[in-house]
Amino acid sequence: MSSSKISLDQLRHIAKLARLEIKPEQENYLAEQLSETAAYIDVLGELDTKNVEPTYQTNHLKNITRDDVIGESLTQSDALSQTKDAYNGYFKTLATIKK
């Protein structure tokens, strides 16, 4: 197997950090699955990568963006002219973040 055996305590800690609810009957199965995944990572650690350049992007694509061009825009009063509710020159909305 692997030296990266995931214990039940580690699994519970990972689940807590990820805010996952794991049923007790699934814990052993999931710990085994994570241990097998870690074993694949251990295999990669055995590769000799001394002469390999780091690869940050494999498809060599670049972001294609346009230059920002300042153009004509609405005045504040024009922008607010169609709203039902404004306050001190801003759009007024219902709360978007709830506790």
C-alpha atoms as a PDB file:
ATOM      1  CA  MET A   1       0.000   0.000   0.000  1.00  0.00           C
ATOM      2  CA  SER A   2       1.264   3.487   0.767  1.00  0.00           C
ATOM      3  CA  SER A   3       3.006   5.323   3.545  1.00  0.00           C
ATOM      4  CA  SER A   4       0.184   7.838   3.180  1.00  0.00           C
ATOM      5  CA  LYS A   5      -2.393   5.804   5.065  1.00  0.00           C
ATOM      6  CA  ILE A   6      -5.242   8.116   6.082  1.00  0.00           C
ATOM      7  CA  SER A   7      -6.415   7.456   9.634  1.00  0.00           C
ATOM      8  CA  LEU A   8     -10.003   7.892  10.770  1.00  0.00           C
ATOM      9  CA  ASP A   9      -8.919  10.883  12.862  1.00  0.00           C
ATOM     10  CA  GLN A  10      -7.333  12.495   9.792  1.00  0.00           C
ATOM     11  CA  LEU A  11     -10.455  11.763   7.746  1.00  0.00           C
ATOM     12  CA  ARG A  12     -12.665  13.366  10.401  1.00  0.00           C
ATOM     13  CA  HIS A  13     -10.355  16.395  10.521  1.00  0.00           C
ATOM     14  CA  ILE A  14     -10.430  16.765   6.729  1.00  0.00           C
ATOM     15  CA  ALA A  15     -14.221  16.431   6.762  1.00  0.00           C
ATOM     16  CA  LYS A  16     -14.489  19.088   9.450  1.00  0.00           C
ATOM     17  CA  LEU A  17     -12.272  21.486   7.504  1.00  0.00           C
ATOM     18  CA  ALA A  18     -14.316  20.878   4.347  1.00  0.00           C
ATOM     19  CA  ARG A  19     -17.560  21.087   6.330  1.00  0.00           C
ATOM     20  CA  LEU A  20     -18.632  17.678   5.116  1.00  0.00           C
ATOM     21  CA  GLU A  21     -20.965  15.462   7.046  1.00  0.00           C
ATOM     22  CA  ILE A  22     -19.772  11.877   6.824  1.00  0.00           C
ATOM     23  CA  LYS A  23     -21.886   9.037   8.119  1.00  0.00           C
ATOM     24  CA  PRO A  24     -20.006   6.757  10.537  1.00  0.00           C
ATOM     25  CA  GLU A  25     -20.661   3.737   8.319  1.00  0.00           C
ATOM     26  CA  GLN A  26     -18.861   5.500   5.429  1.00  0.00           C
ATOM     27  CA  GLU A  27     -15.727   6.514   7.339  1.00  0.00           C
ATOM     28  CA  ASN A  28     -13.679   3.344   6.790  1.00  0.00           C
ATOM     29  CA  TYR A  29     -14.532   3.239   3.088  1.00  0.00           C
ATOM     30  CA  LEU A  30     -13.633   6.901   2.562  1.00  0.00           C
ATOM     31  CA  ALA A  31     -10.390   6.617   4.550  1.00  0.00           C
ATOM     32  CA  GLU A  32      -9.397   3.672   2.355  1.00  0.00           C
ATOM     33  CA  GLN A  33     -10.271   5.582  -0.825  1.00  0.00           C
ATOM     34  CA  LEU A  34      -8.242   8.627   0.277  1.00  0.00           C
ATOM     35  CA  SER A  35      -5.326   6.358   1.174  1.00  0.00           C
ATOM     36  CA  GLU A  36      -5.385   4.854  -2.324  1.00  0.00           C
ATOM     37  CA  THR A  37      -5.430   8.341  -3.846  1.00  0.00           C
ATOM     38  CA  ALA A  38      -2.459   9.330  -1.691  1.00  0.00           C
ATOM     39  CA  ALA A  39      -0.657   6.194  -2.890  1.00  0.00           C
ATOM     40  CA  TYR A  40      -0.836   7.484  -6.470  1.00  0.00           C
ATOM     41  CA  ILE A  41       0.731  10.739  -5.310  1.00  0.00           C
ATOM     42  CA  ASP A  42       3.521   8.764  -3.590  1.00  0.00           C
ATOM     43  CA  VAL A  43       4.295   7.105  -6.941  1.00  0.00           C
ATOM     44  CA  LEU A  44       4.699  10.527  -8.556  1.00  0.00           C
ATOM     45  CA  GLY A  45       7.134  11.478  -5.792  1.00  0.00           C
ATOM     46  CA  GLU A  46       9.475   8.702  -6.957  1.00  0.00           C
ATOM     47  CA  LEU A  47       9.943  10.266 -10.411  1.00  0.00           C
ATOM     48  CA  ASP A  48      13.211  12.002 -11.223  1.00  0.00           C
ATOM     49  CA  THR A  49      12.215  15.543 -12.201  1.00  0.00           C
ATOM     50  CA  LYS A  50      15.568  17.307 -11.759  1.00  0.00           C
ATOM     51  CA  ASN A  51      15.883  18.245 -15.456  1.00  0.00           C
ATOM     52  CA  VAL A  52      12.199  18.954 -16.081  1.00  0.00           C
ATOM     53  CA  GLU A  53      11.099  22.551 -16.471  1.00  0.00           C
ATOM     54  CA  PRO A  54       8.057  23.484 -14.386  1.00  0.00           C
ATOM     55  CA  THR A  55       4.889  23.612 -16.455  1.00  0.00           C
ATOM     56  CA  TYR A  56       2.386  26.225 -15.465  1.00  0.00           C
ATOM     57  CA  GLN A  57       0.110  25.869 -18.439  1.00  0.00           C
ATOM     58  CA  THR A  58      -0.009  22.881 -20.718  1.00  0.00           C
ATOM     59  CA  ASN A  59      -1.967  24.203 -23.678  1.00  0.00           C
ATOM     60  CA  HIS A  60       0.082  27.394 -24.228  1.00  0.00           C
ATOM     61  CA  LEU A  61      -3.018  29.554 -24.475  1.00  0.00           C
ATOM     62  CA  LYS A  62      -2.930  33.111 -23.270  1.00  0.00           C
ATOM     63  CA  ASN A  63      -5.698  35.294 -21.970  1.00  0.00           C
ATOM     64  CA  ILE A  64      -6.999  37.446 -24.746  1.00  0.00           C
ATOM     65  CA  THR A  65      -8.105  40.767 -23.369  1.00  0.00           C
ATOM     66  CA  ARG A  66      -8.896  44.078 -24.873  1.00  0.00           C
ATOM     67  CA  ASP A  67      -7.492  47.417 -23.818  1.00  0.00           C
ATOM     68  CA  ASP A  68      -9.718  49.451 -21.538  1.00  0.00           C
ATOM     69  CA  VAL A  69     -10.972  52.372 -23.506  1.00  0.00           C
ATOM     70  CA  ILE A  70     -12.754  55.150 -21.690  1.00  0.00           C
ATOM     71  CA  GLY A  71     -15.856  56.047 -23.586  1.00  0.00           C
ATOM     72  CA  GLU A  72     -19.138  57.756 -23.123  1.00  0.00           C
ATOM     73  CA  SER A  73     -21.107  56.626 -20.096  1.00  0.00           C
ATOM     74  CA  LEU A  74     -24.285  57.490 -18.288  1.00  0.00           C
ATOM     75  CA  THR A  75     -24.439  60.281 -15.787  1.00  0.00           C
ATOM     76  CA  GLN A  76     -25.334  59.272 -12.271  1.00  0.00           C
ATOM     77  CA  SER A  77     -28.800  60.749 -12.591  1.00  0.00           C
ATOM     78  CA  ASP A  78     -29.379  58.931 -15.912  1.00  0.00           C
ATOM     79  CA  ALA A  79     -28.225  55.640 -14.421  1.00  0.00           C
ATOM     80  CA  LEU A  80     -30.600  56.048 -11.467  1.00  0.00           C
ATOM     81  CA  SER A  81     -33.499  57.361 -13.532  1.00  0.00           C
ATOM     82  CA  GLN A  82     -35.132  53.944 -14.022  1.00  0.00           C
ATOM     83  CA  THR A  83     -34.761  52.616 -10.468  1.00  0.00           C
ATOM     84  CA  LYS A  84     -37.683  52.401  -8.092  1.00  0.00           C
ATOM     85  CA  ASP A  85     -35.525  53.206  -5.108  1.00  0.00           C
ATOM     86  CA  ALA A  86     -32.313  55.216  -4.699  1.00  0.00           C
ATOM     87  CA  TYR A  87     -30.527  56.575  -1.645  1.00  0.00           C
ATOM     88  CA  ASN A  88     -27.840  59.289  -1.621  1.00  0.00           C
ATOM     89  CA  GLY A  89     -27.068  58.734  -5.293  1.00  0.00           C
ATOM     90  CA  TYR A  90     -26.865  54.916  -5.127  1.00  0.00           C
ATOM     91  CA  PHE A  91     -29.156  52.055  -6.065  1.00  0.00           C
ATOM     92  CA  LYS A  92     -31.038  50.819  -3.012  1.00  0.00           C
ATOM     93  CA  THR A  93     -31.615  47.073  -2.837  1.00  0.00           C
ATOM     94  CA  LEU A  94     -32.623  44.427  -0.366  1.00  0.00           C
ATOM     95  CA  ALA A  95     -29.835  42.759   1.580  1.00  0.00           C
ATOM     96  CA  THR A  96     -27.898  40.347  -0.607  1.00  0.00           C
ATOM     97  CA  ILE A  97     -25.863  38.690   2.147  1.00  0.00           C
ATOM     98  CA  LYS A  98     -27.707  36.875   4.886  1.00  0.00           C
ATOM     99  CA  LYS A  99     -26.263  35.559   8.103  1.00  0.00           C
END
